[in-house]
Amino acid sequence: MNTVERMVEEIRAEIANGEELEAIKDRSGEFIDSYLPIYNNQIVEEWQAMPSDYDNRGSAELGHLEHEINIINLMSLDLYLYYSDLFNEAVEEVEESLELATVEAIKEGAN
């Protein structure tokens, strides 16, 4: 199971527990933070595994959030953007499935 699929499953589980999709989107930062590695070796491994399109984007788009700028902090910013995009992709997938379910329910109700 890839990261987007794990995120989709987690979002669906929260919806099944009564959480609204908008509330999940509102706390996207917390959701994304839960996927970010905290140990330097994991940050380096995940940064190397992510698509190169994200290399050095974090500092360019988010600025330097840390007082101390080092390579690990810069990699973490890139990973944050990467996981943000994955989260948005997962949310879109869940929204599409909810819309399809709604359309199907309306069709069944009309018959």
PDB file of N, CA and C in Angstrom:
ATOM      1  N   MET A   1       0.858  -1.177   0.000  1.00  0.00           N
ATOM      2  CA  MET A   1       0.000   0.000   0.000  1.00  0.00           C
ATOM      3  C   MET A   1       0.902   1.238   0.000  1.00  0.00           C
ATOM      4  N   ASN A   2       0.662   2.142  -0.952  1.00  0.00           N
ATOM      5  CA  ASN A   2       1.481   3.347  -0.999  1.00  0.00           C
ATOM      6  C   ASN A   2       0.932   4.402  -0.038  1.00  0.00           C
ATOM      7  N   THR A   3       1.637   5.525   0.042  1.00  0.00           N
ATOM      8  CA  THR A   3       1.288   6.560   1.012  1.00  0.00           C
ATOM      9  C   THR A   3      -0.097   7.145   0.753  1.00  0.00           C
ATOM     10  N   VAL A   4      -0.422   7.410  -0.499  1.00  0.00           N
ATOM     11  CA  VAL A   4      -1.743   7.978  -0.800  1.00  0.00           C
ATOM     12  C   VAL A   4      -2.838   7.002  -0.388  1.00  0.00           C
ATOM     13  N   GLU A   5      -2.650   5.732  -0.683  1.00  0.00           N
ATOM     14  CA  GLU A   5      -3.647   4.732  -0.297  1.00  0.00           C
ATOM     15  C   GLU A   5      -3.797   4.672   1.221  1.00  0.00           C
ATOM     16  N   ARG A   6      -2.687   4.767   1.956  1.00  0.00           N
ATOM     17  CA  ARG A   6      -2.768   4.783   3.429  1.00  0.00           C
ATOM     18  C   ARG A   6      -3.517   6.017   3.909  1.00  0.00           C
ATOM     19  N   MET A   7      -3.237   7.151   3.277  1.00  0.00           N
ATOM     20  CA  MET A   7      -3.935   8.383   3.659  1.00  0.00           C
ATOM     21  C   MET A   7      -5.425   8.272   3.373  1.00  0.00           C
ATOM     22  N   VAL A   8      -5.780   7.739   2.206  1.00  0.00           N
ATOM     23  CA  VAL A   8      -7.192   7.566   1.850  1.00  0.00           C
ATOM     24  C   VAL A   8      -7.880   6.687   2.886  1.00  0.00           C
ATOM     25  N   GLU A   9      -7.254   5.578   3.249  1.00  0.00           N
ATOM     26  CA  GLU A   9      -7.835   4.679   4.251  1.00  0.00           C
ATOM     27  C   GLU A   9      -8.008   5.384   5.589  1.00  0.00           C
ATOM     28  N   GLU A  10      -7.018   6.176   5.975  1.00  0.00           N
ATOM     29  CA  GLU A  10      -7.106   6.897   7.247  1.00  0.00           C
ATOM     30  C   GLU A  10      -8.223   7.939   7.212  1.00  0.00           C
ATOM     31  N   ILE A  11      -8.347   8.651   6.105  1.00  0.00           N
ATOM     32  CA  ILE A  11      -9.410   9.648   5.966  1.00  0.00           C
ATOM     33  C   ILE A  11     -10.781   8.965   5.988  1.00  0.00           C
ATOM     34  N   ARG A  12     -10.910   7.863   5.257  1.00  0.00           N
ATOM     35  CA  ARG A  12     -12.190   7.133   5.249  1.00  0.00           C
ATOM     36  C   ARG A  12     -12.541   6.615   6.644  1.00  0.00           C
ATOM     37  N   ALA A  13     -11.551   6.149   7.381  1.00  0.00           N
ATOM     38  CA  ALA A  13     -11.802   5.662   8.740  1.00  0.00           C
ATOM     39  C   ALA A  13     -12.303   6.794   9.635  1.00  0.00           C
ATOM     40  N   GLU A  14     -11.714   7.985   9.478  1.00  0.00           N
ATOM     41  CA  GLU A  14     -12.169   9.117  10.284  1.00  0.00           C
ATOM     42  C   GLU A  14     -13.589   9.522   9.898  1.00  0.00           C
ATOM     43  N   ILE A  15     -13.902   9.467   8.606  1.00  0.00           N
ATOM     44  CA  ILE A  15     -15.273   9.776   8.159  1.00  0.00           C
ATOM     45  C   ILE A  15     -16.241   8.740   8.714  1.00  0.00           C
ATOM     46  N   ALA A  16     -15.837   7.473   8.702  1.00  0.00           N
ATOM     47  CA  ALA A  16     -16.685   6.409   9.249  1.00  0.00           C
ATOM     48  C   ALA A  16     -16.935   6.609  10.742  1.00  0.00           C
ATOM     49  N   ASN A  17     -16.002   7.287  11.422  1.00  0.00           N
ATOM     50  CA  ASN A  17     -16.155   7.569  12.854  1.00  0.00           C
ATOM     51  C   ASN A  17     -16.894   8.882  13.105  1.00  0.00           C
ATOM     52  N   GLY A  18     -17.485   9.460  12.037  1.00  0.00           N
ATOM     53  CA  GLY A  18     -18.306  10.647  12.213  1.00  0.00           C
ATOM     54  C   GLY A  18     -17.616  11.963  11.915  1.00  0.00           C
ATOM     55  N   GLU A  19     -16.361  11.934  11.525  1.00  0.00           N
ATOM     56  CA  GLU A  19     -15.635  13.165  11.212  1.00  0.00           C
ATOM     57  C   GLU A  19     -16.081  13.681   9.843  1.00  0.00           C
ATOM     58  N   GLU A  20     -16.249  14.970   9.715  1.00  0.00           N
ATOM     59  CA  GLU A  20     -16.596  15.587   8.439  1.00  0.00           C
ATOM     60  C   GLU A  20     -15.329  15.790   7.618  1.00  0.00           C
ATOM     61  N   LEU A  21     -15.424  15.650   6.309  1.00  0.00           N
ATOM     62  CA  LEU A  21     -14.268  15.822   5.432  1.00  0.00           C
ATOM     63  C   LEU A  21     -13.690  17.228   5.554  1.00  0.00           C
ATOM     64  N   GLU A  22     -14.546  18.239   5.697  1.00  0.00           N
ATOM     65  CA  GLU A  22     -14.062  19.613   5.844  1.00  0.00           C
ATOM     66  C   GLU A  22     -13.234  19.775   7.118  1.00  0.00           C
ATOM     67  N   ALA A  23     -13.627  19.113   8.188  1.00  0.00           N
ATOM     68  CA  ALA A  23     -12.861  19.183   9.435  1.00  0.00           C
ATOM     69  C   ALA A  23     -11.498  18.517   9.264  1.00  0.00           C
ATOM     70  N   ILE A  24     -11.465  17.425   8.508  1.00  0.00           N
ATOM     71  CA  ILE A  24     -10.199  16.746   8.242  1.00  0.00           C
ATOM     72  C   ILE A  24      -9.296  17.661   7.426  1.00  0.00           C
ATOM     73  N   LYS A  25      -9.875  18.332   6.422  1.00  0.00           N
ATOM     74  CA  LYS A  25      -9.086  19.267   5.617  1.00  0.00           C
ATOM     75  C   LYS A  25      -8.575  20.431   6.462  1.00  0.00           C
ATOM     76  N   ASP A  26      -9.401  20.901   7.399  1.00  0.00           N
ATOM     77  CA  ASP A  26      -9.006  22.029   8.249  1.00  0.00           C
ATOM     78  C   ASP A  26      -7.785  21.701   9.111  1.00  0.00           C
ATOM     79  N   ARG A  27      -7.651  20.452   9.472  1.00  0.00           N
ATOM     80  CA  ARG A  27      -6.488  20.074  10.291  1.00  0.00           C
ATOM     81  C   ARG A  27      -5.470  19.271   9.478  1.00  0.00           C
ATOM     82  N   SER A  28      -5.352  19.644   8.218  1.00  0.00           N
ATOM     83  CA  SER A  28      -4.418  18.957   7.316  1.00  0.00           C
ATOM     84  C   SER A  28      -2.983  19.031   7.817  1.00  0.00           C
ATOM     85  N   GLY A  29      -2.618  20.139   8.451  1.00  0.00           N
ATOM     86  CA  GLY A  29      -1.250  20.276   8.972  1.00  0.00           C
ATOM     87  C   GLY A  29      -0.907  19.182   9.968  1.00  0.00           C
ATOM     88  N   GLU A  30      -1.836  18.887  10.864  1.00  0.00           N
ATOM     89  CA  GLU A  30      -1.622  17.808  11.836  1.00  0.00           C
ATOM     90  C   GLU A  30      -1.509  16.466  11.128  1.00  0.00           C
ATOM     91  N   PHE A  31      -2.373  16.269  10.160  1.00  0.00           N
ATOM     92  CA  PHE A  31      -2.394  15.013   9.401  1.00  0.00           C
ATOM     93  C   PHE A  31      -1.057  14.816   8.692  1.00  0.00           C
ATOM     94  N   ILE A  32      -0.592  15.849   8.014  1.00  0.00           N
ATOM     95  CA  ILE A  32       0.672  15.785   7.278  1.00  0.00           C
ATOM     96  C   ILE A  32       1.838  15.584   8.241  1.00  0.00           C
ATOM     97  N   ASP A  33       1.824  16.312   9.352  1.00  0.00           N
ATOM     98  CA  ASP A  33       2.897  16.166  10.341  1.00  0.00           C
ATOM     99  C   ASP A  33       3.028  14.735  10.832  1.00  0.00           C
ATOM    100  N   SER A  34       1.923  14.020  10.906  1.00  0.00           N
ATOM    101  CA  SER A  34       1.980  12.640  11.394  1.00  0.00           C
ATOM    102  C   SER A  34       2.722  11.721  10.421  1.00  0.00           C
ATOM    103  N   TYR A  35       2.862  12.128   9.179  1.00  0.00           N
ATOM    104  CA  TYR A  35       3.584  11.332   8.187  1.00  0.00           C
ATOM    105  C   TYR A  35       5.057  11.716   8.078  1.00  0.00           C
ATOM    106  N   LEU A  36       5.415  12.872   8.589  1.00  0.00           N
ATOM    107  CA  LEU A  36       6.799  13.334   8.478  1.00  0.00           C
ATOM    108  C   LEU A  36       7.708  12.584   9.443  1.00  0.00           C
ATOM    109  N   PRO A  37       8.845  12.126   8.937  1.00  0.00           N
ATOM    110  CA  PRO A  37       9.788  11.457   9.828  1.00  0.00           C
ATOM    111  C   PRO A  37      10.439  12.474  10.763  1.00  0.00           C
ATOM    112  N   ILE A  38      10.893  12.001  11.917  1.00  0.00           N
ATOM    113  CA  ILE A  38      11.523  12.912  12.865  1.00  0.00           C
ATOM    114  C   ILE A  38      13.017  12.636  13.042  1.00  0.00           C
ATOM    115  N   TYR A  39      13.448  11.442  12.718  1.00  0.00           N
ATOM    116  CA  TYR A  39      14.853  11.097  12.871  1.00  0.00           C
ATOM    117  C   TYR A  39      15.621  11.427  11.600  1.00  0.00           C
ATOM    118  N   ASN A  40      16.813  11.968  11.765  1.00  0.00           N
ATOM    119  CA  ASN A  40      17.608  12.415  10.625  1.00  0.00           C
ATOM    120  C   ASN A  40      17.777  11.348   9.552  1.00  0.00           C
ATOM    121  N   ASN A  41      18.085  10.116   9.954  1.00  0.00           N
ATOM    122  CA  ASN A  41      18.300   9.073   8.951  1.00  0.00           C
ATOM    123  C   ASN A  41      17.020   8.777   8.165  1.00  0.00           C
ATOM    124  N   GLN A  42      15.859   8.846   8.827  1.00  0.00           N
ATOM    125  CA  GLN A  42      14.581   8.634   8.130  1.00  0.00           C
ATOM    126  C   GLN A  42      14.260   9.803   7.203  1.00  0.00           C
ATOM    127  N   ILE A  43      14.586  11.011   7.629  1.00  0.00           N
ATOM    128  CA  ILE A  43      14.364  12.189   6.790  1.00  0.00           C
ATOM    129  C   ILE A  43      15.174  12.058   5.512  1.00  0.00           C
ATOM    130  N   VAL A  44      16.443  11.687   5.654  1.00  0.00           N
ATOM    131  CA  VAL A  44      17.316  11.534   4.488  1.00  0.00           C
ATOM    132  C   VAL A  44      16.790  10.434   3.571  1.00  0.00           C
ATOM    133  N   GLU A  45      16.390   9.282   4.134  1.00  0.00           N
ATOM    134  CA  GLU A  45      15.876   8.170   3.329  1.00  0.00           C
ATOM    135  C   GLU A  45      14.618   8.566   2.562  1.00  0.00           C
ATOM    136  N   GLU A  46      13.674   9.199   3.250  1.00  0.00           N
ATOM    137  CA  GLU A  46      12.422   9.568   2.589  1.00  0.00           C
ATOM    138  C   GLU A  46      12.648  10.679   1.574  1.00  0.00           C
ATOM    139  N   TRP A  47      13.543  11.610   1.888  1.00  0.00           N
ATOM    140  CA  TRP A  47      13.842  12.691   0.960  1.00  0.00           C
ATOM    141  C   TRP A  47      14.446  12.125  -0.325  1.00  0.00           C
ATOM    142  N   GLN A  48      15.324  11.137  -0.187  1.00  0.00           N
ATOM    143  CA  GLN A  48      15.942  10.522  -1.359  1.00  0.00           C
ATOM    144  C   GLN A  48      14.918   9.728  -2.173  1.00  0.00           C
ATOM    145  N   ALA A  49      13.889   9.208  -1.521  1.00  0.00           N
ATOM    146  CA  ALA A  49      12.883   8.394  -2.198  1.00  0.00           C
ATOM    147  C   ALA A  49      11.791   9.228  -2.865  1.00  0.00           C
ATOM    148  N   MET A  50      11.593  10.459  -2.415  1.00  0.00           N
ATOM    149  CA  MET A  50      10.516  11.277  -2.995  1.00  0.00           C
ATOM    150  C   MET A  50      10.925  11.733  -4.397  1.00  0.00           C
ATOM    151  N   PRO A  51       9.948  12.115  -5.226  1.00  0.00           N
ATOM    152  CA  PRO A  51      10.259  12.602  -6.572  1.00  0.00           C
ATOM    153  C   PRO A  51      11.168  13.836  -6.526  1.00  0.00           C
ATOM    154  N   SER A  52      12.073  13.939  -7.462  1.00  0.00           N
ATOM    155  CA  SER A  52      13.047  15.043  -7.459  1.00  0.00           C
ATOM    156  C   SER A  52      12.397  16.397  -7.726  1.00  0.00           C
ATOM    157  N   ASP A  53      11.144  16.407  -8.171  1.00  0.00           N
ATOM    158  CA  ASP A  53      10.435  17.677  -8.380  1.00  0.00           C
ATOM    159  C   ASP A  53      10.348  18.495  -7.093  1.00  0.00           C
ATOM    160  N   TYR A  54      10.459  17.839  -5.962  1.00  0.00           N
ATOM    161  CA  TYR A  54      10.315  18.511  -4.675  1.00  0.00           C
ATOM    162  C   TYR A  54      11.637  18.996  -4.104  1.00  0.00           C
ATOM    163  N   ASP A  55      12.757  18.634  -4.718  1.00  0.00           N
ATOM    164  CA  ASP A  55      14.067  19.053  -4.223  1.00  0.00           C
ATOM    165  C   ASP A  55      14.140  20.580  -4.150  1.00  0.00           C
ATOM    166  N   ASN A  56      14.430  21.066  -2.975  1.00  0.00           N
ATOM    167  CA  ASN A  56      14.645  22.501  -2.712  1.00  0.00           C
ATOM    168  C   ASN A  56      13.399  23.362  -2.867  1.00  0.00           C
ATOM    169  N   ARG A  57      12.235  22.766  -3.009  1.00  0.00           N
ATOM    170  CA  ARG A  57      10.995  23.545  -3.105  1.00  0.00           C
ATOM    171  C   ARG A  57      10.546  24.060  -1.757  1.00  0.00           C
ATOM    172  N   GLY A  58      10.823  23.283  -0.710  1.00  0.00           N
ATOM    173  CA  GLY A  58      10.330  23.657   0.612  1.00  0.00           C
ATOM    174  C   GLY A  58      10.791  25.024   1.051  1.00  0.00           C
ATOM    175  N   SER A  59      12.077  25.281   0.970  1.00  0.00           N
ATOM    176  CA  SER A  59      12.587  26.578   1.412  1.00  0.00           C
ATOM    177  C   SER A  59      12.121  27.686   0.481  1.00  0.00           C
ATOM    178  N   ALA A  60      11.975  27.389  -0.810  1.00  0.00           N
ATOM    179  CA  ALA A  60      11.521  28.401  -1.767  1.00  0.00           C
ATOM    180  C   ALA A  60      10.069  28.782  -1.529  1.00  0.00           C
ATOM    181  N   GLU A  61       9.213  27.800  -1.221  1.00  0.00           N
ATOM    182  CA  GLU A  61       7.782  28.076  -1.069  1.00  0.00           C
ATOM    183  C   GLU A  61       7.362  28.396   0.362  1.00  0.00           C
ATOM    184  N   LEU A  62       8.036  27.778   1.319  1.00  0.00           N
ATOM    185  CA  LEU A  62       7.631  27.959   2.717  1.00  0.00           C
ATOM    186  C   LEU A  62       8.537  28.918   3.478  1.00  0.00           C
ATOM    187  N   GLY A  63       9.701  29.204   2.943  1.00  0.00           N
ATOM    188  CA  GLY A  63      10.663  30.028   3.660  1.00  0.00           C
ATOM    189  C   GLY A  63      11.389  29.178   4.686  1.00  0.00           C
ATOM    190  N   HIS A  64      12.261  29.803   5.397  1.00  0.00           N
ATOM    191  CA  HIS A  64      13.030  29.100   6.426  1.00  0.00           C
ATOM    192  C   HIS A  64      12.296  29.231   7.746  1.00  0.00           C
ATOM    193  N   LEU A  65      11.650  28.148   8.152  1.00  0.00           N
ATOM    194  CA  LEU A  65      10.850  28.170   9.372  1.00  0.00           C
ATOM    195  C   LEU A  65      11.703  27.984  10.622  1.00  0.00           C
ATOM    196  N   GLU A  66      12.899  27.525  10.442  1.00  0.00           N
ATOM    197  CA  GLU A  66      13.787  27.254  11.563  1.00  0.00           C
ATOM    198  C   GLU A  66      14.791  28.402  11.708  1.00  0.00           C
ATOM    199  N   HIS A  67      15.199  28.663  12.934  1.00  0.00           N
ATOM    200  CA  HIS A  67      16.242  29.668  13.142  1.00  0.00           C
ATOM    201  C   HIS A  67      17.566  29.157  12.616  1.00  0.00           C
ATOM    202  N   GLU A  68      17.788  27.878  12.791  1.00  0.00           N
ATOM    203  CA  GLU A  68      19.018  27.263  12.313  1.00  0.00           C
ATOM    204  C   GLU A  68      18.721  26.575  10.988  1.00  0.00           C
ATOM    205  N   ILE A  69      19.441  26.963   9.967  1.00  0.00           N
ATOM    206  CA  ILE A  69      19.229  26.366   8.650  1.00  0.00           C
ATOM    207  C   ILE A  69      20.302  25.308   8.430  1.00  0.00           C
ATOM    208  N   ASN A  70      19.849  24.071   8.256  1.00  0.00           N
ATOM    209  CA  ASN A  70      20.775  22.990   7.927  1.00  0.00           C
ATOM    210  C   ASN A  70      20.093  22.075   6.922  1.00  0.00           C
ATOM    211  N   ILE A  71      20.846  21.162   6.387  1.00  0.00           N
ATOM    212  CA  ILE A  71      20.334  20.313   5.313  1.00  0.00           C
ATOM    213  C   ILE A  71      19.119  19.494   5.752  1.00  0.00           C
ATOM    214  N   ILE A  72      19.110  19.022   6.993  1.00  0.00           N
ATOM    215  CA  ILE A  72      17.969  18.233   7.483  1.00  0.00           C
ATOM    216  C   ILE A  72      16.709  19.087   7.521  1.00  0.00           C
ATOM    217  N   ASN A  73      16.826  20.335   7.975  1.00  0.00           N
ATOM    218  CA  ASN A  73      15.656  21.222   7.999  1.00  0.00           C
ATOM    219  C   ASN A  73      15.151  21.497   6.585  1.00  0.00           C
ATOM    220  N   LEU A  74      16.069  21.700   5.658  1.00  0.00           N
ATOM    221  CA  LEU A  74      15.667  21.939   4.270  1.00  0.00           C
ATOM    222  C   LEU A  74      14.993  20.710   3.677  1.00  0.00           C
ATOM    223  N   MET A  75      15.518  19.522   3.962  1.00  0.00           N
ATOM    224  CA  MET A  75      14.898  18.281   3.484  1.00  0.00           C
ATOM    225  C   MET A  75      13.505  18.126   4.088  1.00  0.00           C
ATOM    226  N   SER A  76      13.362  18.467   5.354  1.00  0.00           N
ATOM    227  CA  SER A  76      12.062  18.369   6.023  1.00  0.00           C
ATOM    228  C   SER A  76      11.032  19.283   5.362  1.00  0.00           C
ATOM    229  N   LEU A  77      11.445  20.478   4.964  1.00  0.00           N
ATOM    230  CA  LEU A  77      10.530  21.386   4.274  1.00  0.00           C
ATOM    231  C   LEU A  77      10.088  20.795   2.934  1.00  0.00           C
ATOM    232  N   ASP A  78      11.030  20.201   2.202  1.00  0.00           N
ATOM    233  CA  ASP A  78      10.675  19.542   0.942  1.00  0.00           C
ATOM    234  C   ASP A  78       9.690  18.413   1.181  1.00  0.00           C
ATOM    235  N   LEU A  79       9.948  17.613   2.225  1.00  0.00           N
ATOM    236  CA  LEU A  79       9.053  16.498   2.538  1.00  0.00           C
ATOM    237  C   LEU A  79       7.664  16.996   2.927  1.00  0.00           C
ATOM    238  N   TYR A  80       7.600  18.124   3.646  1.00  0.00           N
ATOM    239  CA  TYR A  80       6.302  18.670   4.030  1.00  0.00           C
ATOM    240  C   TYR A  80       5.471  18.992   2.781  1.00  0.00           C
ATOM    241  N   LEU A  81       6.086  19.626   1.795  1.00  0.00           N
ATOM    242  CA  LEU A  81       5.364  19.919   0.551  1.00  0.00           C
ATOM    243  C   LEU A  81       4.954  18.649  -0.166  1.00  0.00           C
ATOM    244  N   TYR A  82       5.837  17.675  -0.188  1.00  0.00           N
ATOM    245  CA  TYR A  82       5.544  16.400  -0.835  1.00  0.00           C
ATOM    246  C   TYR A  82       4.338  15.732  -0.179  1.00  0.00           C
ATOM    247  N   TYR A  83       4.360  15.639   1.151  1.00  0.00           N
ATOM    248  CA  TYR A  83       3.237  15.013   1.849  1.00  0.00           C
ATOM    249  C   TYR A  83       1.972  15.861   1.769  1.00  0.00           C
ATOM    250  N   SER A  84       2.104  17.173   1.652  1.00  0.00           N
ATOM    251  CA  SER A  84       0.928  18.032   1.451  1.00  0.00           C
ATOM    252  C   SER A  84       0.241  17.684   0.140  1.00  0.00           C
ATOM    253  N   ASP A  85       1.039  17.511  -0.907  1.00  0.00           N
ATOM    254  CA  ASP A  85       0.470  17.138  -2.197  1.00  0.00           C
ATOM    255  C   ASP A  85      -0.171  15.757  -2.147  1.00  0.00           C
ATOM    256  N   LEU A  86       0.469  14.822  -1.449  1.00  0.00           N
ATOM    257  CA  LEU A  86      -0.113  13.483  -1.309  1.00  0.00           C
ATOM    258  C   LEU A  86      -1.431  13.554  -0.537  1.00  0.00           C
ATOM    259  N   PHE A  87      -1.480  14.381   0.513  1.00  0.00           N
ATOM    260  CA  PHE A  87      -2.710  14.551   1.281  1.00  0.00           C
ATOM    261  C   PHE A  87      -3.816  15.107   0.391  1.00  0.00           C
ATOM    262  N   ASN A  88      -3.490  16.126  -0.398  1.00  0.00           N
ATOM    263  CA  ASN A  88      -4.492  16.717  -1.295  1.00  0.00           C
ATOM    264  C   ASN A  88      -4.990  15.692  -2.312  1.00  0.00           C
ATOM    265  N   GLU A  89      -4.089  14.864  -2.801  1.00  0.00           N
ATOM    266  CA  GLU A  89      -4.480  13.800  -3.729  1.00  0.00           C
ATOM    267  C   GLU A  89      -5.417  12.810  -3.046  1.00  0.00           C
ATOM    268  N   ALA A  90      -5.115  12.455  -1.814  1.00  0.00           N
ATOM    269  CA  ALA A  90      -5.963  11.521  -1.063  1.00  0.00           C
ATOM    270  C   ALA A  90      -7.342  12.127  -0.807  1.00  0.00           C
ATOM    271  N   VAL A  91      -7.383  13.406  -0.450  1.00  0.00           N
ATOM    272  CA  VAL A  91      -8.660  14.080  -0.203  1.00  0.00           C
ATOM    273  C   VAL A  91      -9.494  14.109  -1.480  1.00  0.00           C
ATOM    274  N   GLU A  92      -8.861  14.415  -2.605  1.00  0.00           N
ATOM    275  CA  GLU A  92      -9.586  14.422  -3.879  1.00  0.00           C
ATOM    276  C   GLU A  92     -10.174  13.051  -4.188  1.00  0.00           C
ATOM    277  N   GLU A  93      -9.395  12.004  -3.923  1.00  0.00           N
ATOM    278  CA  GLU A  93      -9.887  10.647  -4.170  1.00  0.00           C
ATOM    279  C   GLU A  93     -11.093  10.332  -3.291  1.00  0.00           C
ATOM    280  N   VAL A  94     -11.034  10.727  -2.020  1.00  0.00           N
ATOM    281  CA  VAL A  94     -12.154  10.490  -1.107  1.00  0.00           C
ATOM    282  C   VAL A  94     -13.361  11.312  -1.535  1.00  0.00           C
ATOM    283  N   GLU A  95     -13.144  12.576  -1.916  1.00  0.00           N
ATOM    284  CA  GLU A  95     -14.255  13.422  -2.369  1.00  0.00           C
ATOM    285  C   GLU A  95     -14.939  12.816  -3.587  1.00  0.00           C
ATOM    286  N   GLU A  96     -14.151  12.324  -4.540  1.00  0.00           N
ATOM    287  CA  GLU A  96     -14.730  11.702  -5.733  1.00  0.00           C
ATOM    288  C   GLU A  96     -15.553  10.474  -5.374  1.00  0.00           C
ATOM    289  N   SER A  97     -15.033   9.658  -4.453  1.00  0.00           N
ATOM    290  CA  SER A  97     -15.782   8.455  -4.075  1.00  0.00           C
ATOM    291  C   SER A  97     -17.065   8.816  -3.325  1.00  0.00           C
ATOM    292  N   LEU A  98     -17.025   9.876  -2.510  1.00  0.00           N
ATOM    293  CA  LEU A  98     -18.231  10.326  -1.811  1.00  0.00           C
ATOM    294  C   LEU A  98     -19.254  10.878  -2.790  1.00  0.00           C
ATOM    295  N   GLU A  99     -18.783  11.625  -3.796  1.00  0.00           N
ATOM    296  CA  GLU A  99     -19.691  12.157  -4.813  1.00  0.00           C
ATOM    297  C   GLU A  99     -20.335  11.028  -5.603  1.00  0.00           C
ATOM    298  N   LEU A 100     -19.554  10.010  -5.972  1.00  0.00           N
ATOM    299  CA  LEU A 100     -20.101   8.864  -6.692  1.00  0.00           C
ATOM    300  C   LEU A 100     -21.131   8.131  -5.848  1.00  0.00           C
ATOM    301  N   ALA A 101     -20.838   7.983  -4.565  1.00  0.00           N
ATOM    302  CA  ALA A 101     -21.780   7.308  -3.672  1.00  0.00           C
ATOM    303  C   ALA A 101     -23.079   8.099  -3.563  1.00  0.00           C
ATOM    304  N   THR A 102     -22.969   9.419  -3.529  1.00  0.00           N
ATOM    305  CA  THR A 102     -24.157  10.272  -3.453  1.00  0.00           C
ATOM    306  C   THR A 102     -24.986  10.153  -4.726  1.00  0.00           C
ATOM    307  N   VAL A 103     -24.326  10.179  -5.878  1.00  0.00           N
ATOM    308  CA  VAL A 103     -25.028  10.045  -7.160  1.00  0.00           C
ATOM    309  C   VAL A 103     -25.730   8.685  -7.237  1.00  0.00           C
ATOM    310  N   GLU A 104     -25.035   7.635  -6.817  1.00  0.00           N
ATOM    311  CA  GLU A 104     -25.640   6.296  -6.832  1.00  0.00           C
ATOM    312  C   GLU A 104     -26.851   6.223  -5.906  1.00  0.00           C
ATOM    313  N   ALA A 105     -26.756   6.848  -4.737  1.00  0.00           N
ATOM    314  CA  ALA A 105     -27.866   6.841  -3.793  1.00  0.00           C
ATOM    315  C   ALA A 105     -29.068   7.591  -4.362  1.00  0.00           C
ATOM    316  N   ILE A 106     -28.802   8.698  -5.059  1.00  0.00           N
ATOM    317  CA  ILE A 106     -29.887   9.468  -5.672  1.00  0.00           C
ATOM    318  C   ILE A 106     -30.546   8.648  -6.780  1.00  0.00           C
ATOM    319  N   LYS A 107     -29.731   7.965  -7.588  1.00  0.00           N
ATOM    320  CA  LYS A 107     -30.282   7.130  -8.657  1.00  0.00           C
ATOM    321  C   LYS A 107     -31.131   6.009  -8.090  1.00  0.00           C
ATOM    322  N   GLU A 108     -30.657   5.387  -7.024  1.00  0.00           N
ATOM    323  CA  GLU A 108     -31.424   4.295  -6.408  1.00  0.00           C
ATOM    324  C   GLU A 108     -32.714   4.820  -5.799  1.00  0.00           C
ATOM    325  N   GLY A 109     -32.664   6.017  -5.232  1.00  0.00           N
ATOM    326  CA  GLY A 109     -33.862   6.614  -4.654  1.00  0.00           C
ATOM    327  C   GLY A 109     -34.895   6.990  -5.694  1.00  0.00           C
ATOM    328  N   ALA A 110     -34.441   7.316  -6.902  1.00  0.00           N
ATOM    329  CA  ALA A 110     -35.343   7.693  -7.979  1.00  0.00           C
ATOM    330  C   ALA A 110     -36.031   6.485  -8.585  1.00  0.00           C
ATOM    331  N   ASN A 111     -35.433   5.309  -8.457  1.00  0.00           N
ATOM    332  CA  ASN A 111     -36.007   4.088  -9.062  1.00  0.00           C
ATOM    333  C   ASN A 111     -37.018   3.455  -8.183  1.00  0.00           C
TER     334      ASN A 111
END
